[in-house]
Protein backbone atom coordinates (compact mmCIF):
# COMPACT_ATOMS: atom_id res chain seq x y z
CA UNK A 1 -46.51 53.78 4.06
CA UNK A 2 -46.84 51.55 1.23
CA UNK A 3 -43.42 52.80 -0.20
CA UNK A 4 -41.63 52.17 2.99
CA UNK A 5 -43.13 48.65 3.03
CA UNK A 6 -41.79 47.91 -0.46
CA UNK A 7 -38.37 49.65 0.43
CA UNK A 8 -37.96 47.37 3.48
CA UNK A 9 -38.80 44.16 1.45
CA UNK A 10 -36.29 45.20 -1.22
CA UNK A 11 -33.50 45.96 1.61
CA UNK A 12 -34.43 42.48 3.04
CA UNK A 13 -34.06 40.68 -0.23
CA UNK A 14 -31.19 42.48 -1.37
CA UNK A 15 -29.29 41.63 2.18
CA UNK A 16 -30.49 37.74 1.86
CA UNK A 17 -29.08 37.78 -1.77
CA UNK A 18 -25.82 39.12 -0.46
CA UNK A 19 -25.54 36.34 2.36
CA UNK A 20 -26.17 33.77 -0.26
CA UNK A 21 -23.50 35.20 -2.47
CA UNK A 22 -21.32 35.41 0.78
CA UNK A 23 -21.81 31.67 1.62
CA UNK A 24 -21.18 30.51 -1.89
CA UNK A 25 -17.81 32.40 -1.73
CA UNK A 26 -16.82 30.70 1.33
CA UNK A 27 -17.79 27.36 -0.22
CA UNK A 28 -15.54 28.10 -2.98
CA UNK A 29 -12.61 29.07 -0.85
CA UNK A 30 -13.07 25.64 1.08
CA UNK A 31 -13.00 23.81 -2.07
CA UNK A 32 -9.78 25.55 -3.27
CA UNK A 33 -8.35 24.90 -0.03
CA UNK A 34 -9.03 21.18 -0.27
CA UNK A 35 -7.70 20.95 -3.84
CA UNK A 36 -4.49 22.91 -2.99
CA UNK A 37 -3.88 20.42 -0.15
CA UNK A 38 -4.08 17.26 -2.52
CA UNK A 39 -0.88 15.30 -3.20
CA UNK A 40 -0.69 14.82 -6.89
CA UNK A 41 -1.20 11.22 -8.17
CA UNK A 42 -2.64 10.04 -5.04
CA UNK A 43 -6.19 8.88 -4.43
CA UNK A 44 -7.69 9.94 -1.22
CA UNK A 45 -10.65 8.09 0.18
CA UNK A 46 -13.25 10.39 1.60
CA UNK A 47 -15.22 7.89 3.70
CA UNK A 48 -13.87 8.17 7.29
CA UNK A 49 -15.16 4.82 8.13
CA UNK A 50 -14.04 2.84 5.07
CA UNK A 51 -10.82 0.77 5.06
CA UNK A 52 -8.27 0.38 2.50
CA UNK A 53 -8.02 -3.07 0.80
CA UNK A 54 -4.83 -4.54 -0.66
CA UNK A 55 -6.33 -4.56 -4.06
CA UNK A 56 -6.35 -0.82 -3.97
CA UNK A 57 -2.53 -0.26 -3.47
CA UNK A 58 -0.36 0.12 -6.44
CA UNK A 59 3.33 -0.24 -6.41
CA UNK A 60 5.63 2.53 -7.70
CA UNK A 61 6.77 1.99 -11.20
CA UNK A 62 10.11 3.67 -10.44
CA UNK A 63 12.91 0.95 -9.56
CA UNK A 64 14.74 3.52 -7.38
CA UNK A 65 11.53 3.28 -5.07
CA UNK A 66 11.31 -0.53 -4.77
CA UNK A 67 12.71 -2.88 -2.35
CA UNK A 68 13.83 -6.36 -3.18
CA UNK A 69 14.60 -9.44 -1.09
CA UNK A 70 18.31 -10.09 -0.92
CA UNK A 71 20.38 -13.32 -0.66
CA UNK A 72 23.40 -13.08 1.38
CA UNK A 73 26.74 -15.19 1.12
CA UNK A 74 25.14 -17.36 3.62
CA UNK A 75 22.19 -18.20 1.19
CA UNK A 76 19.72 -16.82 3.72
CA UNK A 77 16.94 -14.74 1.87
CA UNK A 78 16.25 -11.49 3.90
CA UNK A 79 13.92 -8.65 3.59
CA UNK A 80 14.51 -5.58 5.33
CA UNK A 81 11.37 -3.47 6.09
CA UNK A 82 11.75 0.04 4.91
CA UNK A 83 8.54 2.25 4.71
CA UNK A 84 10.24 4.54 2.16
CA UNK A 85 10.41 1.91 -0.59
CA UNK A 86 7.46 -0.08 -2.15
CA UNK A 87 7.54 -3.95 -2.03
CA UNK A 88 5.10 -6.87 -2.22
CA UNK A 89 7.17 -9.88 -2.52
CA UNK A 90 5.20 -13.24 -2.72
CA UNK A 91 6.75 -16.56 -2.28
CA UNK A 92 4.58 -19.24 -4.33
CA UNK A 93 3.99 -23.10 -3.91
CA UNK A 94 5.16 -23.55 -7.36
CA UNK A 95 7.02 -21.51 -9.93
CA UNK A 96 3.73 -19.80 -11.26
CA UNK A 97 2.21 -16.69 -10.18
CA UNK A 98 -1.33 -18.54 -10.26
CA UNK A 99 -0.24 -21.05 -7.59
CA UNK A 100 -1.08 -20.74 -3.83
CA UNK A 101 0.67 -17.94 -2.18
CA UNK A 102 2.90 -19.19 0.75
CA UNK A 103 4.45 -16.15 2.23
CA UNK A 104 4.31 -12.46 1.67
CA UNK A 105 6.63 -9.58 2.31
CA UNK A 106 5.00 -6.05 2.15
CA UNK A 107 5.43 -2.58 3.23
CA UNK A 108 1.53 -2.02 3.26
CA UNK A 109 -0.41 -2.67 6.31
CA UNK A 110 -3.57 -4.06 4.55
CA UNK A 111 -1.43 -6.87 2.84
CA UNK A 112 0.22 -7.65 6.16
CA UNK A 113 -2.61 -7.19 8.94
CA UNK A 114 -4.69 -10.18 9.42
CA UNK A 115 -2.91 -12.09 6.59
CA UNK A 116 -5.55 -11.39 3.98
CA UNK A 117 -3.83 -13.58 1.28
CA UNK A 118 -4.02 -16.75 3.84
CA UNK A 119 -0.41 -17.35 3.21
CA UNK A 120 0.48 -20.45 5.47
CA UNK A 121 3.69 -19.14 6.43
CA UNK A 122 2.15 -15.65 7.20
CA UNK A 123 2.28 -12.15 5.87
CA UNK A 124 5.33 -9.85 7.02
CA UNK A 125 6.92 -6.38 6.71
CA UNK A 126 10.27 -7.99 6.78
CA UNK A 127 11.89 -11.30 7.57
CA UNK A 128 11.25 -12.49 10.91
CA UNK A 129 13.88 -13.58 13.27
CA UNK A 130 15.87 -16.75 12.01
CA UNK A 131 14.59 -18.27 15.31
CA UNK A 132 11.08 -18.06 14.03
CA UNK A 133 11.50 -18.67 10.22
CA UNK A 134 14.46 -19.20 7.86
CA UNK A 135 14.30 -18.91 4.05
CA UNK A 136 17.35 -20.43 2.31
CA UNK A 137 18.29 -19.93 -1.42
CA UNK A 138 18.55 -23.35 -3.11
CA UNK A 139 18.63 -22.80 -7.04
CA UNK A 140 17.63 -20.52 -9.72
CA UNK A 141 14.91 -21.67 -12.12
CA UNK A 142 13.70 -20.01 -15.55
CA UNK A 143 11.96 -16.94 -13.94
CA UNK A 144 12.15 -17.99 -10.27
CA UNK A 145 14.50 -18.37 -7.31
CA UNK A 146 13.76 -21.61 -5.28
CA UNK A 147 14.18 -21.52 -1.61
CA UNK A 148 13.33 -23.76 1.46
CA UNK A 149 11.34 -22.19 4.13
CA UNK A 150 11.66 -23.60 7.50
CA UNK A 151 9.39 -22.88 10.50
CA UNK A 152 8.06 -24.57 13.26
CA UNK A 153 10.32 -27.72 12.16
CA UNK A 154 8.40 -27.85 8.97
CA UNK A 155 10.28 -27.42 5.57
CA UNK A 156 8.72 -26.76 2.21
CA UNK A 157 9.91 -25.20 -1.09
CA UNK A 158 8.82 -21.73 -2.02
CA UNK A 159 9.40 -19.90 -5.31
CA UNK A 160 10.11 -16.16 -5.49
CA UNK A 161 10.03 -14.33 -8.81
CA UNK A 162 13.64 -13.40 -9.86
CA UNK A 163 12.67 -9.55 -10.27
CA UNK A 164 12.21 -9.40 -6.96
CA UNK A 165 15.36 -11.02 -5.52
CA UNK A 166 19.09 -9.42 -5.70
CA UNK A 167 22.13 -11.28 -4.80
CA UNK A 168 24.72 -9.66 -2.29
CA UNK A 169 28.36 -10.50 -2.55
CA UNK A 170 29.32 -9.07 0.89
């Protein structure tokens, strides 16, 4: 009888150990699946209830994937919203990136939603209709493009860094 008890305990112990090994194998399979589904060079936020802030977003370093504002033959500056291209174009109060941010055009929702930079002229995915706001090129300075923003019958100068502006001939 004693031998039967020992045998039963040994079988139970062995089967529990096999179950634990089986669960570990499943966990490893799940981890492998997660790793295989990761996109390279992208950080994934694992907290479901957390939000992405605009400081977490990095622009592409490849010029092929960057959007610029364009100055047409009518001197109007336009930004066409394109989700396939990265852009974050600020208009500053003075020709200095440390000056007040007056307007922002960005492809990133955290940059646009609720105007987190508190730009007086707002944050947009692309230029709004000219009835709402018009941005007109005035002059080139050293590293900046000077423009006049007209919104709600108010006008003020705004400076865009020259790297984010391109001139169209047509």
